[in-house]
Amino acid sequence: MKLRQLAHSRTGDKGNTLNVSVICYDARHYDHLLAHVTPERVKAHLSDVVKGDVTRFELPGIAAVNFVLGRALGGGVTRSLALDAHGKSLSSALMDLEIPEP
């Protein structure tokens, strides 16, 4: 199944770093999300764009995780020639990650 069936996402940028939050629709799926949406899987899934480290911050109170993706925006908004310099489309790309059904 696609991650988008269990969660939605928001993004934000700071320089060449992108934050991608993944928020469960249902808090009962949070542990499943933690088990299957790891920094390693996120980096592998977005490897064409993310060139730096991927760090995950867990937010159990709101059944969400925040990923900090280093070197993900082609140098940052003011330096990048990318069509999506803010990285907004990467949240949609991450939602295509295949995970097992809970």
PDB file of N, CA and C in Angstrom:
ATOM      1  N   MET A   1       0.846  -1.173   0.000  1.00  0.00           N
ATOM      2  CA  MET A   1       0.000   0.000   0.000  1.00  0.00           C
ATOM      3  C   MET A   1       0.890   1.235   0.000  1.00  0.00           C
ATOM      4  N   LYS A   2       0.343   2.330  -0.462  1.00  0.00           N
ATOM      5  CA  LYS A   2       1.065   3.600  -0.464  1.00  0.00           C
ATOM      6  C   LYS A   2       0.922   4.272   0.903  1.00  0.00           C
ATOM      7  N   LEU A   3       1.976   4.941   1.319  1.00  0.00           N
ATOM      8  CA  LEU A   3       1.973   5.661   2.588  1.00  0.00           C
ATOM      9  C   LEU A   3       0.805   6.635   2.662  1.00  0.00           C
ATOM     10  N   ARG A   4       0.426   7.231   1.544  1.00  0.00           N
ATOM     11  CA  ARG A   4      -0.659   8.218   1.517  1.00  0.00           C
ATOM     12  C   ARG A   4      -2.000   7.655   1.996  1.00  0.00           C
ATOM     13  N   GLN A   5      -2.120   6.330   2.043  1.00  0.00           N
ATOM     14  CA  GLN A   5      -3.355   5.736   2.534  1.00  0.00           C
ATOM     15  C   GLN A   5      -3.462   5.801   4.060  1.00  0.00           C
ATOM     16  N   LEU A   6      -2.331   6.001   4.746  1.00  0.00           N
ATOM     17  CA  LEU A   6      -2.321   6.078   6.212  1.00  0.00           C
ATOM     18  C   LEU A   6      -1.969   7.451   6.751  1.00  0.00           C
ATOM     19  N   ALA A   7      -1.413   8.323   5.892  1.00  0.00           N
ATOM     20  CA  ALA A   7      -0.899   9.600   6.409  1.00  0.00           C
ATOM     21  C   ALA A   7      -0.946  10.680   5.340  1.00  0.00           C
ATOM     22  N   HIS A   8      -0.790  11.909   5.818  1.00  0.00           N
ATOM     23  CA  HIS A   8      -0.622  13.038   4.907  1.00  0.00           C
ATOM     24  C   HIS A   8       0.672  13.732   5.275  1.00  0.00           C
ATOM     25  N   SER A   9       1.048  14.765   4.527  1.00  0.00           N
ATOM     26  CA  SER A   9       2.369  15.344   4.699  1.00  0.00           C
ATOM     27  C   SER A   9       2.368  16.847   4.482  1.00  0.00           C
ATOM     28  N   ARG A  10       3.338  17.504   5.115  1.00  0.00           N
ATOM     29  CA  ARG A  10       3.579  18.942   4.931  1.00  0.00           C
ATOM     30  C   ARG A  10       5.081  19.147   4.821  1.00  0.00           C
ATOM     31  N   THR A  11       5.488  20.201   4.135  1.00  0.00           N
ATOM     32  CA  THR A  11       6.920  20.482   3.987  1.00  0.00           C
ATOM     33  C   THR A  11       7.231  21.924   4.348  1.00  0.00           C
ATOM     34  N   GLY A  12       8.505  22.153   4.605  1.00  0.00           N
ATOM     35  CA  GLY A  12       9.018  23.496   4.842  1.00  0.00           C
ATOM     36  C   GLY A  12      10.500  23.498   4.526  1.00  0.00           C
ATOM     37  N   ASP A  13      11.024  24.639   4.125  1.00  0.00           N
ATOM     38  CA  ASP A  13      12.432  24.690   3.742  1.00  0.00           C
ATOM     39  C   ASP A  13      13.182  25.761   4.527  1.00  0.00           C
ATOM     40  N   LYS A  14      14.459  25.502   4.733  1.00  0.00           N
ATOM     41  CA  LYS A  14      15.409  26.453   5.306  1.00  0.00           C
ATOM     42  C   LYS A  14      16.727  26.243   4.583  1.00  0.00           C
ATOM     43  N   GLY A  15      17.050  27.163   3.712  1.00  0.00           N
ATOM     44  CA  GLY A  15      18.290  27.015   2.954  1.00  0.00           C
ATOM     45  C   GLY A  15      18.250  25.762   2.100  1.00  0.00           C
ATOM     46  N   ASN A  16      19.254  24.915   2.281  1.00  0.00           N
ATOM     47  CA  ASN A  16      19.356  23.686   1.498  1.00  0.00           C
ATOM     48  C   ASN A  16      18.800  22.484   2.268  1.00  0.00           C
ATOM     49  N   THR A  17      18.045  22.761   3.325  1.00  0.00           N
ATOM     50  CA  THR A  17      17.473  21.716   4.180  1.00  0.00           C
ATOM     51  C   THR A  17      15.962  21.731   4.050  1.00  0.00           C
ATOM     52  N   LEU A  18      15.387  20.538   3.954  1.00  0.00           N
ATOM     53  CA  LEU A  18      13.941  20.414   3.823  1.00  0.00           C
ATOM     54  C   LEU A  18      13.386  19.633   5.004  1.00  0.00           C
ATOM     55  N   ASN A  19      12.286  20.100   5.584  1.00  0.00           N
ATOM     56  CA  ASN A  19      11.537  19.366   6.601  1.00  0.00           C
ATOM     57  C   ASN A  19      10.322  18.755   5.924  1.00  0.00           C
ATOM     58  N   VAL A  20      10.104  17.465   6.182  1.00  0.00           N
ATOM     59  CA  VAL A  20       8.914  16.796   5.679  1.00  0.00           C
ATOM     60  C   VAL A  20       8.241  16.118   6.864  1.00  0.00           C
ATOM     61  N   SER A  21       7.046  16.562   7.195  1.00  0.00           N
ATOM     62  CA  SER A  21       6.278  15.942   8.270  1.00  0.00           C
ATOM     63  C   SER A  21       5.318  14.926   7.681  1.00  0.00           C
ATOM     64  N   VAL A  22       5.206  13.790   8.367  1.00  0.00           N
ATOM     65  CA  VAL A  22       4.277  12.737   7.977  1.00  0.00           C
ATOM     66  C   VAL A  22       3.334  12.553   9.157  1.00  0.00           C
ATOM     67  N   ILE A  23       2.045  12.780   8.927  1.00  0.00           N
ATOM     68  CA  ILE A  23       1.049  12.804   9.996  1.00  0.00           C
ATOM     69  C   ILE A  23       0.002  11.726   9.738  1.00  0.00           C
ATOM     70  N   CYS A  24      -0.155  10.819  10.694  1.00  0.00           N
ATOM     71  CA  CYS A  24      -1.133   9.737  10.553  1.00  0.00           C
ATOM     72  C   CYS A  24      -2.558  10.282  10.555  1.00  0.00           C
ATOM     73  N   TYR A  25      -3.397   9.723   9.720  1.00  0.00           N
ATOM     74  CA  TYR A  25      -4.821  10.036   9.773  1.00  0.00           C
ATOM     75  C   TYR A  25      -5.433   9.471  11.052  1.00  0.00           C
ATOM     76  N   ASP A  26      -4.939   8.305  11.473  1.00  0.00           N
ATOM     77  CA  ASP A  26      -5.460   7.616  12.646  1.00  0.00           C
ATOM     78  C   ASP A  26      -4.276   7.275  13.545  1.00  0.00           C
ATOM     79  N   ALA A  27      -4.295   7.743  14.779  1.00  0.00           N
ATOM     80  CA  ALA A  27      -3.184   7.539  15.715  1.00  0.00           C
ATOM     81  C   ALA A  27      -2.865   6.063  15.940  1.00  0.00           C
ATOM     82  N   ARG A  28      -3.821   5.194  15.690  1.00  0.00           N
ATOM     83  CA  ARG A  28      -3.565   3.755  15.856  1.00  0.00           C
ATOM     84  C   ARG A  28      -2.498   3.236  14.890  1.00  0.00           C
ATOM     85  N   HIS A  29      -2.219   3.968  13.827  1.00  0.00           N
ATOM     86  CA  HIS A  29      -1.234   3.544  12.841  1.00  0.00           C
ATOM     87  C   HIS A  29       0.161   4.113  13.107  1.00  0.00           C
ATOM     88  N   TYR A  30       0.321   4.860  14.183  1.00  0.00           N
ATOM     89  CA  TYR A  30       1.602   5.524  14.457  1.00  0.00           C
ATOM     90  C   TYR A  30       2.755   4.530  14.604  1.00  0.00           C
ATOM     91  N   ASP A  31       2.598   3.472  15.382  1.00  0.00           N
ATOM     92  CA  ASP A  31       3.679   2.495  15.550  1.00  0.00           C
ATOM     93  C   ASP A  31       4.036   1.820  14.234  1.00  0.00           C
ATOM     94  N   HIS A  32       3.043   1.582  13.399  1.00  0.00           N
ATOM     95  CA  HIS A  32       3.278   1.011  12.072  1.00  0.00           C
ATOM     96  C   HIS A  32       4.113   1.982  11.236  1.00  0.00           C
ATOM     97  N   LEU A  33       3.786   3.252  11.300  1.00  0.00           N
ATOM     98  CA  LEU A  33       4.532   4.281  10.588  1.00  0.00           C
ATOM     99  C   LEU A  33       5.986   4.292  11.064  1.00  0.00           C
ATOM    100  N   LEU A  34       6.202   4.257  12.380  1.00  0.00           N
ATOM    101  CA  LEU A  34       7.561   4.267  12.918  1.00  0.00           C
ATOM    102  C   LEU A  34       8.368   3.064  12.427  1.00  0.00           C
ATOM    103  N   ALA A  35       7.723   1.926  12.349  1.00  0.00           N
ATOM    104  CA  ALA A  35       8.412   0.701  11.945  1.00  0.00           C
ATOM    105  C   ALA A  35       8.803   0.698  10.466  1.00  0.00           C
ATOM    106  N   HIS A  36       8.017   1.354   9.627  1.00  0.00           N
ATOM    107  CA  HIS A  36       8.210   1.216   8.185  1.00  0.00           C
ATOM    108  C   HIS A  36       8.642   2.481   7.460  1.00  0.00           C
ATOM    109  N   VAL A  37       8.573   3.622   8.104  1.00  0.00           N
ATOM    110  CA  VAL A  37       9.000   4.872   7.470  1.00  0.00           C
ATOM    111  C   VAL A  37      10.211   5.381   8.257  1.00  0.00           C
ATOM    112  N   THR A  38      11.335   4.753   7.961  1.00  0.00           N
ATOM    113  CA  THR A  38      12.588   5.036   8.659  1.00  0.00           C
ATOM    114  C   THR A  38      13.414   6.060   7.882  1.00  0.00           C
ATOM    115  N   PRO A  39      14.390   6.679   8.534  1.00  0.00           N
ATOM    116  CA  PRO A  39      15.263   7.602   7.797  1.00  0.00           C
ATOM    117  C   PRO A  39      15.952   6.930   6.614  1.00  0.00           C
ATOM    118  N   GLU A  40      16.340   5.678   6.785  1.00  0.00           N
ATOM    119  CA  GLU A  40      17.006   4.960   5.698  1.00  0.00           C
ATOM    120  C   GLU A  40      16.080   4.757   4.498  1.00  0.00           C
ATOM    121  N   ARG A  41      14.830   4.410   4.774  1.00  0.00           N
ATOM    122  CA  ARG A  41      13.868   4.207   3.677  1.00  0.00           C
ATOM    123  C   ARG A  41      13.537   5.523   2.988  1.00  0.00           C
ATOM    124  N   VAL A  42      13.394   6.593   3.788  1.00  0.00           N
ATOM    125  CA  VAL A  42      13.104   7.910   3.205  1.00  0.00           C
ATOM    126  C   VAL A  42      14.257   8.346   2.306  1.00  0.00           C
ATOM    127  N   LYS A  43      15.486   8.204   2.800  1.00  0.00           N
ATOM    128  CA  LYS A  43      16.639   8.608   1.987  1.00  0.00           C
ATOM    129  C   LYS A  43      16.719   7.784   0.704  1.00  0.00           C
ATOM    130  N   ALA A  44      16.505   6.477   0.798  1.00  0.00           N
ATOM    131  CA  ALA A  44      16.547   5.632  -0.396  1.00  0.00           C
ATOM    132  C   ALA A  44      15.443   6.015  -1.381  1.00  0.00           C
ATOM    133  N   HIS A  45      14.254   6.286  -0.862  1.00  0.00           N
ATOM    134  CA  HIS A  45      13.106   6.618  -1.717  1.00  0.00           C
ATOM    135  C   HIS A  45      13.308   7.950  -2.443  1.00  0.00           C
ATOM    136  N   LEU A  46      13.976   8.894  -1.787  1.00  0.00           N
ATOM    137  CA  LEU A  46      14.184  10.224  -2.362  1.00  0.00           C
ATOM    138  C   LEU A  46      15.637  10.455  -2.762  1.00  0.00           C
ATOM    139  N   SER A  47      16.359   9.387  -3.043  1.00  0.00           N
ATOM    140  CA  SER A  47      17.804   9.471  -3.278  1.00  0.00           C
ATOM    141  C   SER A  47      18.196  10.321  -4.489  1.00  0.00           C
ATOM    142  N   ASP A  48      17.312  10.487  -5.435  1.00  0.00           N
ATOM    143  CA  ASP A  48      17.635  11.333  -6.589  1.00  0.00           C
ATOM    144  C   ASP A  48      17.766  12.800  -6.189  1.00  0.00           C
ATOM    145  N   VAL A  49      17.153  13.182  -5.076  1.00  0.00           N
ATOM    146  CA  VAL A  49      17.132  14.581  -4.655  1.00  0.00           C
ATOM    147  C   VAL A  49      17.923  14.815  -3.371  1.00  0.00           C
ATOM    148  N   VAL A  50      17.776  13.923  -2.405  1.00  0.00           N
ATOM    149  CA  VAL A  50      18.383  14.115  -1.082  1.00  0.00           C
ATOM    150  C   VAL A  50      19.822  13.607  -1.106  1.00  0.00           C
ATOM    151  N   LYS A  51      20.764  14.514  -0.911  1.00  0.00           N
ATOM    152  CA  LYS A  51      22.184  14.163  -0.958  1.00  0.00           C
ATOM    153  C   LYS A  51      22.825  14.156   0.429  1.00  0.00           C
ATOM    154  N   GLY A  52      22.131  14.626   1.439  1.00  0.00           N
ATOM    155  CA  GLY A  52      22.678  14.684   2.791  1.00  0.00           C
ATOM    156  C   GLY A  52      22.014  13.686   3.713  1.00  0.00           C
ATOM    157  N   ASP A  53      22.208  13.912   5.005  1.00  0.00           N
ATOM    158  CA  ASP A  53      21.637  13.035   6.022  1.00  0.00           C
ATOM    159  C   ASP A  53      20.127  13.223   6.134  1.00  0.00           C
ATOM    160  N   VAL A  54      19.465  12.178   6.593  1.00  0.00           N
ATOM    161  CA  VAL A  54      18.035  12.219   6.905  1.00  0.00           C
ATOM    162  C   VAL A  54      17.884  11.883   8.381  1.00  0.00           C
ATOM    163  N   THR A  55      17.272  12.795   9.120  1.00  0.00           N
ATOM    164  CA  THR A  55      17.052  12.611  10.553  1.00  0.00           C
ATOM    165  C   THR A  55      15.561  12.595  10.821  1.00  0.00           C
ATOM    166  N   ARG A  56      15.120  11.683  11.689  1.00  0.00           N
ATOM    167  CA  ARG A  56      13.696  11.585  12.027  1.00  0.00           C
ATOM    168  C   ARG A  56      13.484  12.040  13.463  1.00  0.00           C
ATOM    169  N   PHE A  57      12.483  12.888  13.643  1.00  0.00           N
ATOM    170  CA  PHE A  57      12.044  13.319  14.963  1.00  0.00           C
ATOM    171  C   PHE A  57      10.633  12.792  15.177  1.00  0.00           C
ATOM    172  N   GLU A  58      10.423  12.099  16.282  1.00  0.00           N
ATOM    173  CA  GLU A  58       9.137  11.471  16.565  1.00  0.00           C
ATOM    174  C   GLU A  58       8.261  12.393  17.407  1.00  0.00           C
ATOM    175  N   LEU A  59       6.995  12.484  17.040  1.00  0.00           N
ATOM    176  CA  LEU A  59       6.017  13.336  17.711  1.00  0.00           C
ATOM    177  C   LEU A  59       4.795  12.493  18.074  1.00  0.00           C
ATOM    178  N   PRO A  60       4.927  11.621  19.080  1.00  0.00           N
ATOM    179  CA  PRO A  60       3.840  10.688  19.394  1.00  0.00           C
ATOM    180  C   PRO A  60       2.549  11.374  19.839  1.00  0.00           C
ATOM    181  N   GLY A  61       2.653  12.542  20.423  1.00  0.00           N
ATOM    182  CA  GLY A  61       1.455  13.248  20.896  1.00  0.00           C
ATOM    183  C   GLY A  61       0.502  13.630  19.779  1.00  0.00           C
ATOM    184  N   ILE A  62       1.034  13.772  18.578  1.00  0.00           N
ATOM    185  CA  ILE A  62       0.183  14.110  17.429  1.00  0.00           C
ATOM    186  C   ILE A  62       0.272  13.043  16.333  1.00  0.00           C
ATOM    187  N   ALA A  63       0.831  11.871  16.682  1.00  0.00           N
ATOM    188  CA  ALA A  63       0.954  10.736  15.753  1.00  0.00           C
ATOM    189  C   ALA A  63       1.619  11.160  14.445  1.00  0.00           C
ATOM    190  N   ALA A  64       2.782  11.801  14.595  1.00  0.00           N
ATOM    191  CA  ALA A  64       3.502  12.313  13.429  1.00  0.00           C
ATOM    192  C   ALA A  64       5.001  12.122  13.596  1.00  0.00           C
ATOM    193  N   VAL A  65       5.703  12.208  12.487  1.00  0.00           N
ATOM    194  CA  VAL A  65       7.157  12.263  12.485  1.00  0.00           C
ATOM    195  C   VAL A  65       7.577  13.415  11.588  1.00  0.00           C
ATOM    196  N   ASN A  66       8.721  13.996  11.898  1.00  0.00           N
ATOM    197  CA  ASN A  66       9.279  15.051  11.070  1.00  0.00           C
ATOM    198  C   ASN A  66      10.648  14.589  10.594  1.00  0.00           C
ATOM    199  N   PHE A  67      10.840  14.602   9.288  1.00  0.00           N
ATOM    200  CA  PHE A  67      12.128  14.247   8.701  1.00  0.00           C
ATOM    201  C   PHE A  67      12.844  15.522   8.292  1.00  0.00           C
ATOM    202  N   VAL A  68      14.106  15.624   8.659  1.00  0.00           N
ATOM    203  CA  VAL A  68      14.960  16.722   8.230  1.00  0.00           C
ATOM    204  C   VAL A  68      15.894  16.148   7.175  1.00  0.00           C
ATOM    205  N   LEU A  69      15.768  16.670   5.963  1.00  0.00           N
ATOM    206  CA  LEU A  69      16.503  16.157   4.806  1.00  0.00           C
ATOM    207  C   LEU A  69      17.595  17.149   4.430  1.00  0.00           C
ATOM    208  N   GLY A  70      18.835  16.763   4.664  1.00  0.00           N
ATOM    209  CA  GLY A  70      19.963  17.640   4.361  1.00  0.00           C
ATOM    210  C   GLY A  70      20.335  17.615   2.893  1.00  0.00           C
ATOM    211  N   ARG A  71      20.827  18.753   2.432  1.00  0.00           N
ATOM    212  CA  ARG A  71      21.273  18.883   1.034  1.00  0.00           C
ATOM    213  C   ARG A  71      20.219  18.360   0.063  1.00  0.00           C
ATOM    214  N   ALA A  72      19.008  18.877   0.211  1.00  0.00           N
ATOM    215  CA  ALA A  72      17.883  18.373  -0.577  1.00  0.00           C
ATOM    216  C   ALA A  72      17.318  19.381  -1.568  1.00  0.00           C
ATOM    217  N   LEU A  73      17.819  20.605  -1.547  1.00  0.00           N
ATOM    218  CA  LEU A  73      17.172  21.639  -2.359  1.00  0.00           C
ATOM    219  C   LEU A  73      18.123  22.316  -3.351  1.00  0.00           C
ATOM    220  N   GLY A  74      19.111  21.584  -3.801  1.00  0.00           N
ATOM    221  CA  GLY A  74      19.996  22.124  -4.837  1.00  0.00           C
ATOM    222  C   GLY A  74      20.713  23.391  -4.440  1.00  0.00           C
ATOM    223  N   GLY A  75      21.046  23.529  -3.167  1.00  0.00           N
ATOM    224  CA  GLY A  75      21.746  24.721  -2.688  1.00  0.00           C
ATOM    225  C   GLY A  75      20.850  25.709  -1.979  1.00  0.00           C
ATOM    226  N   GLY A  76      19.547  25.528  -2.055  1.00  0.00           N
ATOM    227  CA  GLY A  76      18.604  26.435  -1.409  1.00  0.00           C
ATOM    228  C   GLY A  76      17.822  27.246  -2.426  1.00  0.00           C
ATOM    229  N   VAL A  77      16.767  27.856  -1.975  1.00  0.00           N
ATOM    230  CA  VAL A  77      15.830  28.556  -2.862  1.00  0.00           C
ATOM    231  C   VAL A  77      16.506  29.609  -3.726  1.00  0.00           C
ATOM    232  N   THR A  78      17.374  30.395  -3.151  1.00  0.00           N
ATOM    233  CA  THR A  78      17.983  31.490  -3.916  1.00  0.00           C
ATOM    234  C   THR A  78      19.117  31.031  -4.820  1.00  0.00           C
ATOM    235  N   ARG A  79      19.559  29.779  -4.673  1.00  0.00           N
ATOM    236  CA  ARG A  79      20.677  29.274  -5.470  1.00  0.00           C
ATOM    237  C   ARG A  79      20.280  28.176  -6.442  1.00  0.00           C
ATOM    238  N   SER A  80      19.137  27.569  -6.231  1.00  0.00           N
ATOM    239  CA  SER A  80      18.741  26.404  -7.011  1.00  0.00           C
ATOM    240  C   SER A  80      18.117  26.783  -8.352  1.00  0.00           C
ATOM    241  N   LEU A  81      18.402  25.963  -9.341  1.00  0.00           N
ATOM    242  CA  LEU A  81      17.760  26.112 -10.647  1.00  0.00           C
ATOM    243  C   LEU A  81      16.594  25.137 -10.794  1.00  0.00           C
ATOM    244  N   ALA A  82      16.278  24.423  -9.726  1.00  0.00           N
ATOM    245  CA  ALA A  82      15.195  23.439  -9.763  1.00  0.00           C
ATOM    246  C   ALA A  82      13.846  24.124  -9.942  1.00  0.00           C
ATOM    247  N   LEU A  83      12.920  23.448 -10.604  1.00  0.00           N
ATOM    248  CA  LEU A  83      11.569  23.978 -10.764  1.00  0.00           C
ATOM    249  C   LEU A  83      10.843  24.076  -9.437  1.00  0.00           C
ATOM    250  N   ASP A  84      11.154  23.169  -8.505  1.00  0.00           N
ATOM    251  CA  ASP A  84      10.520  23.150  -7.186  1.00  0.00           C
ATOM    252  C   ASP A  84      11.578  23.455  -6.122  1.00  0.00           C
ATOM    253  N   ALA A  85      12.075  24.660  -6.114  1.00  0.00           N
ATOM    254  CA  ALA A  85      13.173  25.041  -5.215  1.00  0.00           C
ATOM    255  C   ALA A  85      12.793  24.930  -3.745  1.00  0.00           C
ATOM    256  N   HIS A  86      11.510  25.040  -3.418  1.00  0.00           N
ATOM    257  CA  HIS A  86      11.050  24.922  -2.035  1.00  0.00           C
ATOM    258  C   HIS A  86      10.833  23.464  -1.620  1.00  0.00           C
ATOM    259  N   GLY A  87      10.856  22.536  -2.552  1.00  0.00           N
ATOM    260  CA  GLY A  87      10.714  21.122  -2.249  1.00  0.00           C
ATOM    261  C   GLY A  87       9.313  20.669  -1.904  1.00  0.00           C
ATOM    262  N   LYS A  88       8.310  21.441  -2.255  1.00  0.00           N
ATOM    263  CA  LYS A  88       6.930  21.092  -1.894  1.00  0.00           C
ATOM    264  C   LYS A  88       6.483  19.774  -2.525  1.00  0.00           C
ATOM    265  N   SER A  89       6.966  19.460  -3.708  1.00  0.00           N
ATOM    266  CA  SER A  89       6.547  18.229  -4.365  1.00  0.00           C
ATOM    267  C   SER A  89       7.147  16.981  -3.714  1.00  0.00           C
ATOM    268  N   LEU A  90       8.193  17.145  -2.908  1.00  0.00           N
ATOM    269  CA  LEU A  90       8.806  15.977  -2.271  1.00  0.00           C
ATOM    270  C   LEU A  90       7.892  15.331  -1.245  1.00  0.00           C
ATOM    271  N   SER A  91       6.987  16.100  -0.649  1.00  0.00           N
ATOM    272  CA  SER A  91       6.045  15.475   0.282  1.00  0.00           C
ATOM    273  C   SER A  91       5.130  14.523  -0.474  1.00  0.00           C
ATOM    274  N   SER A  92       4.720  14.907  -1.662  1.00  0.00           N
ATOM    275  CA  SER A  92       3.886  14.027  -2.479  1.00  0.00           C
ATOM    276  C   SER A  92       4.680  12.802  -2.933  1.00  0.00           C
ATOM    277  N   ALA A  93       5.940  13.014  -3.285  1.00  0.00           N
ATOM    278  CA  ALA A  93       6.785  11.884  -3.686  1.00  0.00           C
ATOM    279  C   ALA A  93       6.961  10.903  -2.535  1.00  0.00           C
ATOM    280  N   LEU A  94       7.125  11.409  -1.323  1.00  0.00           N
ATOM    281  CA  LEU A  94       7.272  10.523  -0.169  1.00  0.00           C
ATOM    282  C   LEU A  94       5.993   9.737   0.093  1.00  0.00           C
ATOM    283  N   MET A  95       4.847  10.324  -0.195  1.00  0.00           N
ATOM    284  CA  MET A  95       3.587   9.630   0.029  1.00  0.00           C
ATOM    285  C   MET A  95       3.413   8.428  -0.898  1.00  0.00           C
ATOM    286  N   ASP A  96       4.258   8.313  -1.928  1.00  0.00           N
ATOM    287  CA  ASP A  96       4.246   7.141  -2.813  1.00  0.00           C
ATOM    288  C   ASP A  96       5.061   5.980  -2.266  1.00  0.00           C
ATOM    289  N   LEU A  97       5.702   6.159  -1.119  1.00  0.00           N
ATOM    290  CA  LEU A  97       6.483   5.081  -0.503  1.00  0.00           C
ATOM    291  C   LEU A  97       5.586   3.881  -0.236  1.00  0.00           C
ATOM    292  N   GLU A  98       6.032   2.711  -0.671  1.00  0.00           N
ATOM    293  CA  GLU A  98       5.277   1.465  -0.445  1.00  0.00           C
ATOM    294  C   GLU A  98       5.569   0.948   0.958  1.00  0.00           C
ATOM    295  N   ILE A  99       4.511   0.665   1.716  1.00  0.00           N
ATOM    296  CA  ILE A  99       4.637   0.078   3.051  1.00  0.00           C
ATOM    297  C   ILE A  99       3.650  -1.068   3.150  1.00  0.00           C
ATOM    298  N   PRO A 100       3.913  -2.020   4.064  1.00  0.00           N
ATOM    299  CA  PRO A 100       2.940  -3.101   4.238  1.00  0.00           C
ATOM    300  C   PRO A 100       1.672  -2.593   4.894  1.00  0.00           C
ATOM    301  N   GLU A 101       0.591  -3.289   4.682  1.00  0.00           N
ATOM    302  CA  GLU A 101      -0.659  -2.929   5.362  1.00  0.00           C
ATOM    303  C   GLU A 101      -0.532  -3.199   6.843  1.00  0.00           C
ATOM    304  N   PRO A 102      -1.167  -2.350   7.673  1.00  0.00           N
ATOM    305  CA  PRO A 102      -1.106  -2.588   9.125  1.00  0.00           C
ATOM    306  C   PRO A 102      -1.915  -3.811   9.535  1.00  0.00           C
TER     307      PRO A 102
END
